[in-house]
N, C-alpha and C. Protein backbone atom coordinates (compact mmCIF):
# COMPACT_ATOMS: atom_id res chain seq x y z
N MET A 1 63.72 -46.44 -149.86
CA MET A 1 62.27 -46.36 -149.90
C MET A 1 61.69 -46.56 -148.50
N LEU A 2 62.20 -47.52 -147.75
CA LEU A 2 61.69 -47.75 -146.40
C LEU A 2 62.04 -46.60 -145.47
N LYS A 3 63.22 -46.00 -145.66
CA LYS A 3 63.60 -44.87 -144.81
C LYS A 3 62.68 -43.67 -145.06
N GLY A 4 62.33 -43.44 -146.32
CA GLY A 4 61.39 -42.36 -146.64
C GLY A 4 60.03 -42.61 -146.04
N PHE A 5 59.57 -43.86 -146.06
CA PHE A 5 58.27 -44.20 -145.47
C PHE A 5 58.31 -44.01 -143.95
N LYS A 6 59.45 -44.39 -143.32
CA LYS A 6 59.60 -44.20 -141.88
C LYS A 6 59.58 -42.71 -141.53
N ASN A 7 60.27 -41.89 -142.31
CA ASN A 7 60.26 -40.44 -142.08
C ASN A 7 58.87 -39.86 -142.23
N PHE A 8 58.13 -40.35 -143.22
CA PHE A 8 56.76 -39.89 -143.42
C PHE A 8 55.89 -40.23 -142.21
N LEU A 9 56.03 -41.45 -141.70
CA LEU A 9 55.20 -41.88 -140.57
C LEU A 9 55.55 -41.16 -139.28
N LEU A 10 56.79 -40.74 -139.13
CA LEU A 10 57.22 -40.13 -137.88
C LEU A 10 57.19 -38.61 -137.91
N GLN A 11 56.56 -38.03 -138.91
CA GLN A 11 56.40 -36.58 -138.93
C GLN A 11 55.48 -36.18 -137.79
N GLY A 12 55.76 -35.08 -137.15
CA GLY A 12 54.98 -34.64 -136.00
C GLY A 12 53.51 -34.44 -136.31
N GLN A 13 53.19 -33.77 -137.40
CA GLN A 13 51.80 -33.48 -137.72
C GLN A 13 51.02 -34.75 -138.02
N LEU A 14 51.64 -35.70 -138.67
CA LEU A 14 50.95 -36.93 -139.02
C LEU A 14 50.56 -37.71 -137.76
N ILE A 15 51.47 -37.81 -136.81
CA ILE A 15 51.17 -38.53 -135.56
C ILE A 15 50.09 -37.79 -134.79
N LEU A 16 50.18 -36.47 -134.71
CA LEU A 16 49.17 -35.71 -133.98
C LEU A 16 47.80 -35.84 -134.63
N ILE A 17 47.74 -35.80 -135.94
CA ILE A 17 46.47 -35.95 -136.65
C ILE A 17 45.91 -37.35 -136.42
N ALA A 18 46.77 -38.36 -136.46
CA ALA A 18 46.31 -39.74 -136.26
C ALA A 18 45.76 -39.92 -134.84
N VAL A 19 46.45 -39.40 -133.85
CA VAL A 19 45.96 -39.51 -132.47
C VAL A 19 44.65 -38.73 -132.32
N GLY A 20 44.57 -37.56 -132.92
CA GLY A 20 43.33 -36.79 -132.87
C GLY A 20 42.16 -37.54 -133.51
N LEU A 21 42.43 -38.21 -134.61
CA LEU A 21 41.39 -38.98 -135.28
C LEU A 21 40.93 -40.15 -134.42
N VAL A 22 41.87 -40.84 -133.80
CA VAL A 22 41.52 -41.96 -132.93
C VAL A 22 40.68 -41.47 -131.74
N VAL A 23 41.07 -40.35 -131.15
CA VAL A 23 40.30 -39.79 -130.03
C VAL A 23 38.91 -39.40 -130.49
N ALA A 24 38.80 -38.79 -131.65
CA ALA A 24 37.48 -38.40 -132.17
C ALA A 24 36.60 -39.62 -132.42
N LEU A 25 37.17 -40.68 -132.97
CA LEU A 25 36.39 -41.89 -133.22
C LEU A 25 35.93 -42.53 -131.91
N ALA A 26 36.80 -42.56 -130.92
CA ALA A 26 36.42 -43.13 -129.62
C ALA A 26 35.35 -42.27 -128.95
N PHE A 27 35.50 -40.96 -129.05
CA PHE A 27 34.50 -40.05 -128.47
C PHE A 27 33.18 -40.19 -129.21
N SER A 28 33.24 -40.44 -130.51
CA SER A 28 32.03 -40.68 -131.29
C SER A 28 31.29 -41.91 -130.77
N GLY A 29 32.04 -42.96 -130.45
CA GLY A 29 31.42 -44.16 -129.87
C GLY A 29 30.76 -43.87 -128.54
N LEU A 30 31.37 -43.02 -127.75
CA LEU A 30 30.80 -42.63 -126.46
C LEU A 30 29.49 -41.87 -126.66
N ILE A 31 29.47 -40.97 -127.61
CA ILE A 31 28.25 -40.21 -127.89
C ILE A 31 27.16 -41.12 -128.45
N THR A 32 27.55 -42.05 -129.30
CA THR A 32 26.57 -43.00 -129.85
C THR A 32 25.96 -43.84 -128.73
N ALA A 33 26.77 -44.31 -127.80
CA ALA A 33 26.25 -45.09 -126.68
C ALA A 33 25.30 -44.26 -125.83
N PHE A 34 25.63 -43.00 -125.61
CA PHE A 34 24.77 -42.12 -124.81
C PHE A 34 23.43 -41.91 -125.49
N THR A 35 23.45 -41.61 -126.77
CA THR A 35 22.19 -41.37 -127.47
C THR A 35 21.38 -42.64 -127.64
N THR A 36 22.04 -43.77 -127.94
CA THR A 36 21.33 -45.03 -128.16
C THR A 36 20.71 -45.55 -126.88
N ASN A 37 21.44 -45.46 -125.77
CA ASN A 37 21.00 -46.10 -124.54
C ASN A 37 20.28 -45.19 -123.56
N ILE A 38 20.38 -43.89 -123.73
CA ILE A 38 19.73 -42.98 -122.78
C ILE A 38 18.76 -42.03 -123.47
N ILE A 39 19.20 -41.29 -124.47
CA ILE A 39 18.36 -40.28 -125.10
C ILE A 39 17.21 -40.91 -125.89
N THR A 40 17.53 -41.86 -126.76
CA THR A 40 16.49 -42.49 -127.58
C THR A 40 15.41 -43.16 -126.74
N PRO A 41 15.75 -43.94 -125.70
CA PRO A 41 14.68 -44.50 -124.89
C PRO A 41 13.83 -43.45 -124.19
N LEU A 42 14.45 -42.34 -123.77
CA LEU A 42 13.65 -41.28 -123.15
C LEU A 42 12.66 -40.68 -124.15
N ILE A 43 13.12 -40.46 -125.37
CA ILE A 43 12.23 -39.91 -126.40
C ILE A 43 11.13 -40.91 -126.73
N ASN A 44 11.48 -42.20 -126.83
CA ASN A 44 10.47 -43.22 -127.09
C ASN A 44 9.49 -43.33 -125.93
N ALA A 45 9.96 -43.16 -124.70
CA ALA A 45 9.07 -43.21 -123.54
C ALA A 45 8.09 -42.05 -123.55
N ILE A 46 8.54 -40.89 -123.96
CA ILE A 46 7.65 -39.73 -124.05
C ILE A 46 6.62 -39.96 -125.14
N ALA A 47 7.04 -40.58 -126.23
CA ALA A 47 6.14 -40.85 -127.35
C ALA A 47 5.20 -42.02 -127.05
N GLY A 48 5.50 -42.82 -126.02
CA GLY A 48 4.63 -43.92 -125.66
C GLY A 48 4.99 -45.23 -126.30
N LYS A 49 6.11 -45.33 -126.99
CA LYS A 49 6.53 -46.59 -127.59
C LYS A 49 7.12 -47.49 -126.52
N SER A 50 6.90 -48.80 -126.65
CA SER A 50 7.38 -49.75 -125.66
C SER A 50 8.62 -50.47 -126.17
N ASN A 51 9.55 -50.70 -125.26
CA ASN A 51 10.76 -51.43 -125.60
C ASN A 51 11.24 -52.14 -124.34
N GLY A 52 11.47 -53.43 -124.41
CA GLY A 52 11.98 -54.17 -123.26
C GLY A 52 13.44 -53.89 -123.09
N GLY A 53 14.03 -54.39 -122.02
CA GLY A 53 15.45 -54.19 -121.84
C GLY A 53 15.91 -54.84 -120.56
N LEU A 54 17.14 -55.25 -120.54
CA LEU A 54 17.73 -55.87 -119.37
C LEU A 54 19.01 -55.13 -119.03
N GLY A 55 19.43 -55.29 -117.79
CA GLY A 55 20.68 -54.68 -117.36
C GLY A 55 20.42 -53.54 -116.40
N LEU A 56 21.49 -52.79 -116.12
CA LEU A 56 21.41 -51.68 -115.18
C LEU A 56 20.65 -50.53 -115.83
N GLY A 57 19.58 -50.11 -115.22
CA GLY A 57 18.77 -49.02 -115.76
C GLY A 57 17.39 -49.05 -115.17
N TRP A 58 16.48 -48.36 -115.79
CA TRP A 58 15.10 -48.33 -115.31
C TRP A 58 14.17 -48.17 -116.50
N LYS A 59 12.88 -48.44 -116.22
CA LYS A 59 11.87 -48.30 -117.26
C LYS A 59 11.10 -47.02 -117.02
N VAL A 60 10.90 -46.30 -118.10
CA VAL A 60 10.08 -45.09 -118.08
C VAL A 60 9.02 -45.27 -119.16
N ASN A 61 7.78 -45.39 -118.73
CA ASN A 61 6.66 -45.52 -119.67
C ASN A 61 6.88 -46.69 -120.63
N GLY A 62 7.37 -47.81 -120.10
CA GLY A 62 7.60 -49.00 -120.91
C GLY A 62 8.89 -48.99 -121.71
N GLN A 63 9.67 -47.92 -121.62
CA GLN A 63 10.92 -47.80 -122.37
C GLN A 63 12.09 -47.98 -121.40
N PHE A 64 13.02 -48.92 -121.70
CA PHE A 64 14.14 -49.18 -120.82
C PHE A 64 15.29 -48.23 -121.12
N ILE A 65 15.75 -47.54 -120.09
CA ILE A 65 16.89 -46.64 -120.20
C ILE A 65 18.10 -47.38 -119.65
N SER A 66 19.03 -47.73 -120.52
CA SER A 66 20.15 -48.59 -120.17
C SER A 66 21.34 -47.76 -119.71
N VAL A 67 21.39 -47.49 -118.43
CA VAL A 67 22.51 -46.74 -117.86
C VAL A 67 23.76 -47.63 -117.86
N GLY A 68 23.57 -48.93 -117.67
CA GLY A 68 24.69 -49.85 -117.65
C GLY A 68 25.46 -49.86 -118.96
N ALA A 69 24.74 -49.80 -120.08
CA ALA A 69 25.42 -49.78 -121.38
C ALA A 69 26.22 -48.50 -121.56
N PHE A 70 25.69 -47.38 -121.07
CA PHE A 70 26.42 -46.12 -121.18
C PHE A 70 27.66 -46.13 -120.29
N ILE A 71 27.53 -46.66 -119.06
CA ILE A 71 28.69 -46.76 -118.17
C ILE A 71 29.75 -47.66 -118.80
N SER A 72 29.31 -48.73 -119.43
CA SER A 72 30.24 -49.62 -120.14
C SER A 72 30.97 -48.87 -121.24
N ALA A 73 30.26 -48.00 -121.98
CA ALA A 73 30.90 -47.22 -123.04
C ALA A 73 31.91 -46.23 -122.47
N VAL A 74 31.61 -45.64 -121.30
CA VAL A 74 32.54 -44.71 -120.67
C VAL A 74 33.81 -45.45 -120.24
N VAL A 75 33.64 -46.62 -119.63
CA VAL A 75 34.80 -47.42 -119.22
C VAL A 75 35.63 -47.81 -120.44
N TYR A 76 34.97 -48.23 -121.51
CA TYR A 76 35.67 -48.57 -122.76
C TYR A 76 36.47 -47.37 -123.26
N PHE A 77 35.85 -46.18 -123.25
CA PHE A 77 36.51 -44.96 -123.72
C PHE A 77 37.77 -44.68 -122.90
N VAL A 78 37.67 -44.78 -121.58
CA VAL A 78 38.81 -44.49 -120.71
C VAL A 78 39.94 -45.50 -120.96
N ILE A 79 39.58 -46.78 -121.07
CA ILE A 79 40.60 -47.80 -121.33
C ILE A 79 41.23 -47.60 -122.70
N PHE A 80 40.41 -47.32 -123.70
CA PHE A 80 40.90 -47.11 -125.06
C PHE A 80 41.84 -45.92 -125.12
N MET A 81 41.48 -44.80 -124.49
CA MET A 81 42.34 -43.62 -124.50
C MET A 81 43.64 -43.88 -123.74
N SER A 82 43.58 -44.68 -122.68
CA SER A 82 44.80 -45.02 -121.95
C SER A 82 45.73 -45.83 -122.84
N VAL A 83 45.18 -46.78 -123.56
CA VAL A 83 46.00 -47.59 -124.47
C VAL A 83 46.62 -46.72 -125.56
N VAL A 84 45.82 -45.82 -126.15
CA VAL A 84 46.34 -44.93 -127.19
C VAL A 84 47.47 -44.07 -126.62
N TYR A 85 47.28 -43.56 -125.42
CA TYR A 85 48.29 -42.70 -124.82
C TYR A 85 49.59 -43.46 -124.56
N PHE A 86 49.48 -44.64 -123.92
CA PHE A 86 50.68 -45.36 -123.51
C PHE A 86 51.32 -46.15 -124.65
N VAL A 87 50.57 -46.47 -125.70
CA VAL A 87 51.14 -47.25 -126.80
C VAL A 87 51.61 -46.35 -127.96
N ILE A 88 50.97 -45.20 -128.14
CA ILE A 88 51.33 -44.33 -129.27
C ILE A 88 52.01 -43.04 -128.80
N VAL A 89 51.37 -42.30 -127.91
CA VAL A 89 51.84 -40.96 -127.56
C VAL A 89 53.15 -41.00 -126.77
N VAL A 90 53.21 -41.81 -125.72
CA VAL A 90 54.43 -41.85 -124.88
C VAL A 90 55.64 -42.32 -125.68
N PRO A 91 55.57 -43.44 -126.43
CA PRO A 91 56.76 -43.81 -127.22
C PRO A 91 57.12 -42.77 -128.28
N TYR A 92 56.13 -42.12 -128.88
CA TYR A 92 56.41 -41.09 -129.88
C TYR A 92 57.14 -39.91 -129.25
N ARG A 93 56.69 -39.47 -128.09
CA ARG A 93 57.37 -38.37 -127.40
C ARG A 93 58.81 -38.75 -127.05
N ARG A 94 58.99 -39.98 -126.57
CA ARG A 94 60.33 -40.44 -126.22
C ARG A 94 61.23 -40.47 -127.45
N TYR A 95 60.70 -40.97 -128.56
CA TYR A 95 61.48 -41.03 -129.80
C TYR A 95 61.84 -39.62 -130.27
N MET A 96 60.88 -38.71 -130.26
CA MET A 96 61.14 -37.35 -130.71
C MET A 96 62.12 -36.63 -129.78
N LYS A 97 62.07 -36.94 -128.48
CA LYS A 97 63.01 -36.34 -127.55
C LYS A 97 64.43 -36.80 -127.84
N ARG A 98 64.59 -38.09 -128.20
CA ARG A 98 65.91 -38.61 -128.57
C ARG A 98 66.40 -37.96 -129.86
N GLN A 99 65.48 -37.57 -130.73
CA GLN A 99 65.85 -36.90 -131.98
C GLN A 99 66.17 -35.43 -131.76
N GLY A 100 65.84 -34.91 -130.55
CA GLY A 100 66.12 -33.51 -130.24
C GLY A 100 65.01 -32.57 -130.66
N VAL A 101 63.80 -33.09 -130.87
CA VAL A 101 62.67 -32.27 -131.30
C VAL A 101 61.68 -32.17 -130.15
N THR A 102 61.25 -30.95 -129.83
CA THR A 102 60.22 -30.76 -128.82
C THR A 102 58.86 -30.92 -129.48
N VAL A 103 58.09 -31.88 -129.01
CA VAL A 103 56.79 -32.17 -129.62
C VAL A 103 55.75 -31.17 -129.17
N TYR A 104 55.67 -30.95 -127.88
CA TYR A 104 54.68 -30.03 -127.34
C TYR A 104 55.41 -28.93 -126.61
N ALA A 105 55.60 -27.81 -127.28
CA ALA A 105 56.32 -26.69 -126.67
C ALA A 105 55.34 -25.83 -125.88
N ALA A 106 55.84 -25.21 -124.83
CA ALA A 106 55.03 -24.30 -124.04
C ALA A 106 54.73 -23.06 -124.87
N PRO A 107 53.54 -22.48 -124.70
CA PRO A 107 53.22 -21.29 -125.48
C PRO A 107 54.13 -20.12 -125.10
N THR A 108 54.49 -19.34 -126.11
CA THR A 108 55.35 -18.18 -125.86
C THR A 108 54.50 -17.02 -125.37
N PRO A 109 55.04 -16.23 -124.45
CA PRO A 109 54.26 -15.09 -123.96
C PRO A 109 54.11 -14.05 -125.07
N PRO A 110 53.02 -13.29 -125.02
CA PRO A 110 52.82 -12.28 -126.05
C PRO A 110 53.89 -11.18 -125.95
N PRO A 111 54.22 -10.54 -127.07
CA PRO A 111 55.22 -9.48 -127.02
C PRO A 111 54.70 -8.28 -126.24
N PRO A 112 55.61 -7.52 -125.63
CA PRO A 112 55.16 -6.35 -124.87
C PRO A 112 54.52 -5.31 -125.79
N VAL A 113 53.47 -4.67 -125.29
CA VAL A 113 52.76 -3.66 -126.05
C VAL A 113 52.59 -2.41 -125.20
N LYS A 114 52.18 -1.33 -125.86
CA LYS A 114 51.83 -0.11 -125.14
C LYS A 114 50.59 0.50 -125.76
N THR A 115 49.99 1.45 -125.05
CA THR A 115 48.74 2.06 -125.47
C THR A 115 48.99 3.48 -125.96
N CYS A 116 48.33 3.86 -127.04
CA CYS A 116 48.42 5.22 -127.56
C CYS A 116 47.59 6.15 -126.68
N PRO A 117 48.15 7.27 -126.22
CA PRO A 117 47.38 8.18 -125.36
C PRO A 117 46.30 8.95 -126.13
N GLU A 118 46.41 9.04 -127.44
CA GLU A 118 45.44 9.80 -128.23
C GLU A 118 44.23 8.95 -128.63
N CYS A 119 44.49 7.84 -129.32
CA CYS A 119 43.38 7.03 -129.84
C CYS A 119 43.08 5.81 -128.97
N LEU A 120 43.89 5.57 -127.91
CA LEU A 120 43.70 4.49 -126.94
C LEU A 120 43.79 3.08 -127.54
N GLN A 121 44.50 2.95 -128.65
CA GLN A 121 44.74 1.62 -129.22
C GLN A 121 45.76 0.90 -128.34
N ILE A 122 45.52 -0.38 -128.06
CA ILE A 122 46.40 -1.10 -127.14
C ILE A 122 47.29 -2.12 -127.83
N ASP A 123 47.30 -2.14 -129.16
CA ASP A 123 48.04 -3.16 -129.88
C ASP A 123 49.35 -2.66 -130.48
N LEU A 124 49.93 -1.63 -129.90
CA LEU A 124 51.15 -1.05 -130.44
C LEU A 124 52.37 -1.75 -129.84
N PRO A 125 53.36 -2.09 -130.66
CA PRO A 125 54.58 -2.72 -130.11
C PRO A 125 55.28 -1.78 -129.13
N ALA A 126 55.94 -2.35 -128.15
CA ALA A 126 56.62 -1.56 -127.12
C ALA A 126 57.71 -0.67 -127.71
N ALA A 127 58.30 -1.06 -128.84
CA ALA A 127 59.39 -0.28 -129.44
C ALA A 127 58.88 0.78 -130.42
N ALA A 128 57.56 0.91 -130.60
CA ALA A 128 57.02 1.86 -131.58
C ALA A 128 57.23 3.30 -131.12
N ASN A 129 57.56 4.19 -132.08
CA ASN A 129 57.72 5.62 -131.79
C ASN A 129 56.50 6.41 -132.22
N LYS A 130 55.73 5.88 -133.17
CA LYS A 130 54.52 6.55 -133.65
C LYS A 130 53.39 5.54 -133.69
N CYS A 131 52.19 6.02 -133.37
CA CYS A 131 51.00 5.17 -133.43
C CYS A 131 50.64 4.95 -134.89
N TRP A 132 50.42 3.71 -135.28
CA TRP A 132 50.10 3.44 -136.68
C TRP A 132 48.63 3.68 -136.99
N HIS A 133 47.83 4.03 -135.96
CA HIS A 133 46.42 4.34 -136.17
C HIS A 133 46.19 5.85 -136.35
N CYS A 134 46.85 6.65 -135.48
CA CYS A 134 46.61 8.10 -135.54
C CYS A 134 47.89 8.92 -135.73
N ALA A 135 49.05 8.28 -135.81
CA ALA A 135 50.35 8.92 -136.03
C ALA A 135 50.79 9.81 -134.87
N SER A 136 50.29 9.55 -133.66
CA SER A 136 50.71 10.31 -132.49
C SER A 136 52.12 9.90 -132.08
N ASP A 137 52.83 10.81 -131.43
CA ASP A 137 54.18 10.53 -130.94
C ASP A 137 54.08 9.66 -129.69
N LEU A 138 54.82 8.57 -129.65
CA LEU A 138 54.75 7.62 -128.54
C LEU A 138 56.03 7.56 -127.73
N THR A 139 56.91 8.54 -127.89
CA THR A 139 58.19 8.47 -127.20
C THR A 139 58.04 8.65 -125.69
N GLN A 140 56.99 9.32 -125.22
CA GLN A 140 56.78 9.57 -123.79
C GLN A 140 55.78 8.60 -123.15
N VAL A 141 55.27 7.65 -123.93
CA VAL A 141 54.23 6.75 -123.43
C VAL A 141 54.88 5.63 -122.60
N VAL A 142 54.27 5.35 -121.46
CA VAL A 142 54.73 4.26 -120.60
C VAL A 142 53.92 3.03 -120.93
N PRO A 143 54.56 1.87 -121.08
CA PRO A 143 53.80 0.66 -121.38
C PRO A 143 52.80 0.34 -120.26
N PRO A 144 51.63 -0.22 -120.62
CA PRO A 144 50.65 -0.57 -119.59
C PRO A 144 51.16 -1.72 -118.74
N PRO A 145 50.65 -1.83 -117.50
CA PRO A 145 51.09 -2.95 -116.65
C PRO A 145 50.58 -4.26 -117.25
N PRO A 146 51.28 -5.36 -116.98
CA PRO A 146 50.84 -6.64 -117.53
C PRO A 146 49.47 -7.02 -116.98
N ALA A 147 48.71 -7.71 -117.81
CA ALA A 147 47.36 -8.12 -117.39
C ALA A 147 47.46 -9.20 -116.33
N ALA A 148 46.50 -9.19 -115.42
CA ALA A 148 46.46 -10.20 -114.37
C ALA A 148 46.07 -11.54 -114.94
N ALA A 149 46.68 -12.59 -114.44
CA ALA A 149 46.37 -13.95 -114.93
C ALA A 149 45.00 -14.37 -114.39
N ASP A 150 44.24 -15.04 -115.24
CA ASP A 150 42.91 -15.48 -114.81
C ASP A 150 42.98 -16.77 -114.05
């Protein structure tokens, strides 16, 4: 029973989903700090509502814009993501590497294609003899040059 639970916890998708959820929650806290400490006071200042405040920031029309609280949230986010990376992601990658599983594989290049000279479709496999759009003969067609990297 414990071995099955361990296998469930160490599945690749489960760990990736968990890390993604943690990142989303931390990013949500960052957005909340931004809106609470910067956007809301600006809107209240435009509306003429008064609100006191202390710390790093300034007052606009009696409304305190707390830049210090937002900077604190950014620092918290960076520290939190560092902890998540070094406590969860790095050991998980090391464990999966010992198991012989590649966690993050490099993307595979697209398969070679060629263009039909009749209908100008560019999604034909390089080994195709006939165009599947217009049924033209493709035995004499030269594959297009590879696209330049952006």
